Amino acid sequence: MAIDRPSLLPGEVLVRVRACGGESRGRGGALRPGGVLVSILEDSEELLATAEALGMRFAVVSAEPDYAALEKIAELADAGKIRPYVEATFALADAAGAHAALDAGRVQGKLVLTI
């Protein structure tokens, strides 16, 4: 399935999250001056210096998984002792309706998009 992406001009994006390295490493792309480059990867001082030189703020976000807690949660879910509360289900074509429900601020559970 093809996903339409809007074309972005330089300086339009406030936040960019970088989850992979490669050719785009260190480039802000459409990030505007003063924007924030967030990475979930280990990064070097060089990337920090590059971001600052381009007028961007830079942050690394990471967390250590707690495998024991994840296993306990899986056991509870398998036993039916915990389960997500689904407030509403929307067809993918009505994703705008799901956003409208979120924007109304009254959602108590999860909203699910079905394909």
N, C-alpha and C. Protein backbone atom coordinates (compact mmCIF):
# COMPACT_ATOMS: atom_id res chain seq x y z
N MET A 1 0.85 -1.17 0.00
CA MET A 1 0.00 0.00 0.00
C MET A 1 0.90 1.23 0.00
N ALA A 2 0.66 2.15 -0.90
CA ALA A 2 1.43 3.39 -0.96
C ALA A 2 0.87 4.40 0.03
N ILE A 3 1.76 5.12 0.68
CA ILE A 3 1.35 6.14 1.63
C ILE A 3 1.74 7.49 1.07
N ASP A 4 0.76 8.38 0.93
CA ASP A 4 1.05 9.72 0.45
C ASP A 4 1.73 10.50 1.55
N ARG A 5 2.85 11.12 1.21
CA ARG A 5 3.55 11.96 2.16
C ARG A 5 3.49 13.39 1.63
N PRO A 6 3.18 14.33 2.49
CA PRO A 6 3.19 15.71 2.02
C PRO A 6 4.62 16.14 1.72
N SER A 7 4.78 16.97 0.69
CA SER A 7 6.12 17.48 0.41
C SER A 7 6.39 18.61 1.39
N LEU A 8 7.52 18.57 2.02
CA LEU A 8 7.87 19.55 3.04
C LEU A 8 8.99 20.43 2.52
N LEU A 9 8.85 21.70 2.73
CA LEU A 9 9.89 22.64 2.37
C LEU A 9 10.84 22.82 3.54
N PRO A 10 12.10 23.17 3.26
CA PRO A 10 13.02 23.41 4.37
C PRO A 10 12.44 24.43 5.34
N GLY A 11 12.57 24.14 6.62
CA GLY A 11 12.11 25.08 7.63
C GLY A 11 10.69 24.89 8.09
N GLU A 12 9.99 23.83 7.65
CA GLU A 12 8.58 23.64 8.04
C GLU A 12 8.38 22.72 9.25
N VAL A 13 9.34 21.86 9.55
CA VAL A 13 9.16 20.84 10.58
C VAL A 13 9.75 21.31 11.90
N LEU A 14 8.97 21.16 12.98
CA LEU A 14 9.44 21.56 14.31
C LEU A 14 10.21 20.44 15.01
N VAL A 15 9.76 19.18 14.84
CA VAL A 15 10.41 18.05 15.52
C VAL A 15 10.64 16.93 14.51
N ARG A 16 11.83 16.35 14.53
CA ARG A 16 12.13 15.18 13.69
C ARG A 16 12.66 14.09 14.60
N VAL A 17 12.08 12.90 14.51
CA VAL A 17 12.54 11.76 15.29
C VAL A 17 13.35 10.87 14.37
N ARG A 18 14.58 10.57 14.77
CA ARG A 18 15.48 9.76 13.96
C ARG A 18 15.60 8.40 14.61
N ALA A 19 15.14 7.36 13.90
CA ALA A 19 15.16 6.02 14.45
C ALA A 19 16.07 5.09 13.67
N CYS A 20 16.78 5.61 12.66
CA CYS A 20 17.71 4.78 11.91
C CYS A 20 18.87 5.63 11.43
N GLY A 21 20.00 5.01 11.26
CA GLY A 21 21.19 5.70 10.79
C GLY A 21 21.19 5.78 9.28
N GLY A 22 22.36 5.70 8.71
CA GLY A 22 22.46 5.69 7.26
C GLY A 22 22.70 7.07 6.70
N GLU A 23 22.29 7.26 5.45
CA GLU A 23 22.59 8.49 4.73
C GLU A 23 22.03 9.74 5.38
N SER A 24 20.88 9.65 6.04
CA SER A 24 20.27 10.84 6.63
C SER A 24 20.90 11.23 7.95
N ARG A 25 21.84 10.43 8.42
CA ARG A 25 22.46 10.68 9.73
C ARG A 25 23.04 12.09 9.77
N GLY A 26 22.57 12.86 10.75
CA GLY A 26 23.14 14.19 10.96
C GLY A 26 22.51 15.29 10.14
N ARG A 27 21.59 14.95 9.25
CA ARG A 27 20.95 15.99 8.45
C ARG A 27 19.59 16.33 9.03
N GLY A 28 19.27 17.60 9.05
CA GLY A 28 18.01 18.03 9.61
C GLY A 28 16.86 17.96 8.63
N GLY A 29 17.17 17.88 7.34
CA GLY A 29 16.11 17.83 6.33
C GLY A 29 15.25 19.07 6.38
N ALA A 30 13.96 18.89 6.59
CA ALA A 30 13.02 20.00 6.59
C ALA A 30 12.88 20.65 7.97
N LEU A 31 13.75 20.29 8.90
CA LEU A 31 13.67 20.83 10.25
C LEU A 31 13.98 22.31 10.24
N ARG A 32 13.15 23.09 10.89
CA ARG A 32 13.36 24.53 10.91
C ARG A 32 14.36 24.92 12.00
N PRO A 33 15.00 26.08 11.84
CA PRO A 33 15.91 26.54 12.89
C PRO A 33 15.19 26.60 14.23
N GLY A 34 15.86 26.11 15.26
CA GLY A 34 15.23 26.05 16.58
C GLY A 34 14.43 24.78 16.78
N GLY A 35 14.31 23.96 15.72
CA GLY A 35 13.59 22.70 15.82
C GLY A 35 14.36 21.71 16.67
N VAL A 36 13.75 20.57 16.91
CA VAL A 36 14.35 19.56 17.77
C VAL A 36 14.58 18.28 16.98
N LEU A 37 15.81 17.80 16.99
CA LEU A 37 16.15 16.51 16.40
C LEU A 37 16.23 15.52 17.55
N VAL A 38 15.33 14.52 17.56
CA VAL A 38 15.28 13.52 18.63
C VAL A 38 15.76 12.20 18.04
N SER A 39 16.66 11.53 18.74
CA SER A 39 17.19 10.26 18.28
C SER A 39 16.96 9.19 19.33
N ILE A 40 16.63 7.98 18.87
CA ILE A 40 16.55 6.85 19.79
C ILE A 40 17.78 5.97 19.64
N LEU A 41 18.77 6.46 18.90
CA LEU A 41 20.02 5.73 18.67
C LEU A 41 21.13 6.32 19.50
N GLU A 42 22.18 5.53 19.72
CA GLU A 42 23.36 6.08 20.37
C GLU A 42 24.02 7.03 19.37
N ASP A 43 24.39 8.19 19.82
CA ASP A 43 24.93 9.18 18.91
C ASP A 43 26.25 9.74 19.40
N SER A 44 27.00 10.30 18.48
CA SER A 44 28.31 10.83 18.81
C SER A 44 28.25 12.33 19.05
N GLU A 45 29.35 12.85 19.57
CA GLU A 45 29.49 14.29 19.77
C GLU A 45 29.41 15.01 18.43
N GLU A 46 29.83 14.33 17.37
CA GLU A 46 29.80 14.94 16.03
C GLU A 46 28.37 15.28 15.61
N LEU A 47 27.43 14.38 15.87
CA LEU A 47 26.03 14.65 15.51
C LEU A 47 25.48 15.81 16.33
N LEU A 48 25.82 15.87 17.60
CA LEU A 48 25.40 16.98 18.45
C LEU A 48 25.94 18.30 17.90
N ALA A 49 27.21 18.31 17.53
CA ALA A 49 27.82 19.53 16.98
C ALA A 49 27.16 19.93 15.67
N THR A 50 26.84 18.94 14.83
CA THR A 50 26.17 19.22 13.55
C THR A 50 24.80 19.83 13.78
N ALA A 51 24.04 19.25 14.71
CA ALA A 51 22.70 19.77 15.01
C ALA A 51 22.78 21.21 15.51
N GLU A 52 23.70 21.46 16.43
CA GLU A 52 23.84 22.81 16.97
C GLU A 52 24.26 23.80 15.88
N ALA A 53 25.15 23.38 14.97
CA ALA A 53 25.60 24.25 13.88
C ALA A 53 24.45 24.61 12.94
N LEU A 54 23.48 23.71 12.84
CA LEU A 54 22.32 23.97 11.98
C LEU A 54 21.20 24.70 12.72
N GLY A 55 21.45 25.09 13.96
CA GLY A 55 20.44 25.82 14.73
C GLY A 55 19.35 24.94 15.29
N MET A 56 19.65 23.66 15.51
CA MET A 56 18.68 22.71 16.03
C MET A 56 19.03 22.33 17.46
N ARG A 57 18.02 21.93 18.22
CA ARG A 57 18.25 21.32 19.52
C ARG A 57 18.33 19.82 19.28
N PHE A 58 19.04 19.12 20.12
CA PHE A 58 19.27 17.69 19.93
C PHE A 58 19.02 16.96 21.23
N ALA A 59 18.31 15.83 21.16
CA ALA A 59 18.04 15.03 22.36
C ALA A 59 18.11 13.56 22.01
N VAL A 60 18.66 12.78 22.92
CA VAL A 60 18.69 11.32 22.77
C VAL A 60 17.72 10.76 23.80
N VAL A 61 16.85 9.87 23.36
CA VAL A 61 15.88 9.24 24.24
C VAL A 61 16.18 7.75 24.26
N SER A 62 16.32 7.18 25.45
CA SER A 62 16.55 5.75 25.54
C SER A 62 15.96 5.22 26.83
N ALA A 63 15.74 3.93 26.85
CA ALA A 63 15.22 3.27 28.04
C ALA A 63 15.73 1.84 28.05
N GLU A 64 15.93 1.31 29.22
CA GLU A 64 16.34 -0.09 29.37
C GLU A 64 15.08 -0.94 29.58
N PRO A 65 14.90 -1.98 28.78
CA PRO A 65 13.72 -2.84 28.97
C PRO A 65 13.80 -3.60 30.29
N ASP A 66 12.67 -3.76 30.92
CA ASP A 66 12.57 -4.53 32.17
C ASP A 66 11.92 -5.86 31.81
N TYR A 67 12.76 -6.85 31.46
CA TYR A 67 12.25 -8.12 30.95
C TYR A 67 11.39 -8.85 31.97
N ALA A 68 11.75 -8.79 33.24
CA ALA A 68 10.95 -9.48 34.26
C ALA A 68 9.54 -8.89 34.33
N ALA A 69 9.46 -7.57 34.28
CA ALA A 69 8.14 -6.92 34.32
C ALA A 69 7.34 -7.24 33.06
N LEU A 70 7.99 -7.27 31.90
CA LEU A 70 7.29 -7.59 30.66
C LEU A 70 6.77 -9.03 30.68
N GLU A 71 7.56 -9.95 31.24
CA GLU A 71 7.10 -11.34 31.35
C GLU A 71 5.90 -11.45 32.28
N LYS A 72 5.91 -10.71 33.38
CA LYS A 72 4.78 -10.73 34.32
C LYS A 72 3.52 -10.16 33.67
N ILE A 73 3.68 -9.08 32.92
CA ILE A 73 2.54 -8.49 32.22
C ILE A 73 1.99 -9.48 31.20
N ALA A 74 2.87 -10.19 30.48
CA ALA A 74 2.42 -11.19 29.51
C ALA A 74 1.65 -12.31 30.21
N GLU A 75 2.14 -12.76 31.38
CA GLU A 75 1.44 -13.80 32.14
C GLU A 75 0.04 -13.34 32.55
N LEU A 76 -0.06 -12.11 33.03
CA LEU A 76 -1.36 -11.57 33.44
C LEU A 76 -2.31 -11.45 32.25
N ALA A 77 -1.78 -11.03 31.12
CA ALA A 77 -2.62 -10.91 29.91
C ALA A 77 -3.08 -12.29 29.46
N ASP A 78 -2.15 -13.27 29.44
CA ASP A 78 -2.51 -14.63 29.03
C ASP A 78 -3.57 -15.23 29.95
N ALA A 79 -3.52 -14.89 31.24
CA ALA A 79 -4.49 -15.41 32.21
C ALA A 79 -5.81 -14.64 32.17
N GLY A 80 -5.88 -13.61 31.33
CA GLY A 80 -7.11 -12.83 31.24
C GLY A 80 -7.32 -11.89 32.41
N LYS A 81 -6.28 -11.65 33.20
CA LYS A 81 -6.40 -10.77 34.37
C LYS A 81 -6.26 -9.30 34.01
N ILE A 82 -5.63 -9.03 32.90
CA ILE A 82 -5.58 -7.65 32.40
C ILE A 82 -5.90 -7.67 30.91
N ARG A 83 -6.53 -6.65 30.45
CA ARG A 83 -6.82 -6.52 29.03
C ARG A 83 -7.05 -5.05 28.73
N PRO A 84 -6.76 -4.64 27.52
CA PRO A 84 -6.98 -3.23 27.19
C PRO A 84 -8.47 -2.95 27.08
N TYR A 85 -8.86 -1.76 27.46
CA TYR A 85 -10.24 -1.34 27.29
C TYR A 85 -10.33 -0.59 25.97
N VAL A 86 -11.13 -1.12 25.05
CA VAL A 86 -11.32 -0.51 23.74
C VAL A 86 -12.57 0.34 23.79
N GLU A 87 -12.38 1.64 23.69
CA GLU A 87 -13.51 2.57 23.71
C GLU A 87 -14.30 2.52 22.43
N ALA A 88 -13.58 2.49 21.29
CA ALA A 88 -14.28 2.50 20.00
C ALA A 88 -13.38 1.94 18.92
N THR A 89 -14.01 1.44 17.87
CA THR A 89 -13.30 0.92 16.70
C THR A 89 -13.72 1.73 15.50
N PHE A 90 -12.74 2.13 14.70
CA PHE A 90 -13.00 2.92 13.50
C PHE A 90 -12.40 2.22 12.29
N ALA A 91 -13.08 2.30 11.16
CA ALA A 91 -12.49 1.83 9.91
C ALA A 91 -11.33 2.76 9.57
N LEU A 92 -10.31 2.22 8.91
CA LEU A 92 -9.15 3.04 8.55
C LEU A 92 -9.58 4.26 7.75
N ALA A 93 -10.60 4.10 6.93
CA ALA A 93 -11.09 5.23 6.13
C ALA A 93 -11.67 6.34 7.00
N ASP A 94 -12.02 6.03 8.25
CA ASP A 94 -12.57 7.02 9.16
C ASP A 94 -11.56 7.39 10.25
N ALA A 95 -10.27 7.39 9.91
CA ALA A 95 -9.25 7.79 10.87
C ALA A 95 -9.50 9.20 11.37
N ALA A 96 -10.06 10.05 10.53
CA ALA A 96 -10.37 11.42 10.95
C ALA A 96 -11.40 11.40 12.09
N GLY A 97 -12.32 10.46 12.06
CA GLY A 97 -13.29 10.32 13.14
C GLY A 97 -12.61 9.94 14.45
N ALA A 98 -11.60 9.08 14.38
CA ALA A 98 -10.85 8.70 15.57
C ALA A 98 -10.11 9.92 16.13
N HIS A 99 -9.52 10.71 15.24
CA HIS A 99 -8.84 11.93 15.69
C HIS A 99 -9.82 12.91 16.33
N ALA A 100 -10.99 13.01 15.74
CA ALA A 100 -12.01 13.91 16.31
C ALA A 100 -12.40 13.45 17.71
N ALA A 101 -12.52 12.14 17.91
CA ALA A 101 -12.86 11.61 19.23
C ALA A 101 -11.75 11.95 20.23
N LEU A 102 -10.50 11.82 19.82
CA LEU A 102 -9.39 12.18 20.70
C LEU A 102 -9.40 13.66 21.02
N ASP A 103 -9.63 14.47 20.00
CA ASP A 103 -9.63 15.92 20.18
C ASP A 103 -10.75 16.37 21.12
N ALA A 104 -11.84 15.61 21.17
CA ALA A 104 -12.96 15.97 22.05
C ALA A 104 -12.59 15.77 23.51
N GLY A 105 -11.52 15.00 23.77
CA GLY A 105 -11.02 14.84 25.12
C GLY A 105 -11.84 13.93 26.03
N ARG A 106 -12.65 13.08 25.47
CA ARG A 106 -13.51 12.23 26.30
C ARG A 106 -13.18 10.74 26.19
N VAL A 107 -12.10 10.39 25.53
CA VAL A 107 -11.75 8.99 25.32
C VAL A 107 -11.17 8.41 26.61
N GLN A 108 -11.74 7.32 27.08
CA GLN A 108 -11.31 6.67 28.31
C GLN A 108 -10.45 5.44 28.04
N GLY A 109 -10.55 4.85 26.87
CA GLY A 109 -9.80 3.63 26.54
C GLY A 109 -9.02 3.82 25.26
N LYS A 110 -8.77 2.72 24.60
CA LYS A 110 -8.03 2.73 23.33
C LYS A 110 -8.99 2.91 22.17
N LEU A 111 -8.50 3.58 21.14
CA LEU A 111 -9.22 3.66 19.89
C LEU A 111 -8.49 2.74 18.91
N VAL A 112 -9.24 1.93 18.18
CA VAL A 112 -8.64 0.94 17.27
C VAL A 112 -9.05 1.27 15.85
N LEU A 113 -8.05 1.28 14.96
CA LEU A 113 -8.32 1.43 13.53
C LEU A 113 -8.27 0.05 12.90
N THR A 114 -9.30 -0.32 12.15
CA THR A 114 -9.33 -1.63 11.49
C THR A 114 -9.05 -1.48 10.01
N ILE A 115 -8.39 -2.48 9.45
CA ILE A 115 -8.06 -2.44 8.02
C ILE A 115 -8.95 -3.42 7.31
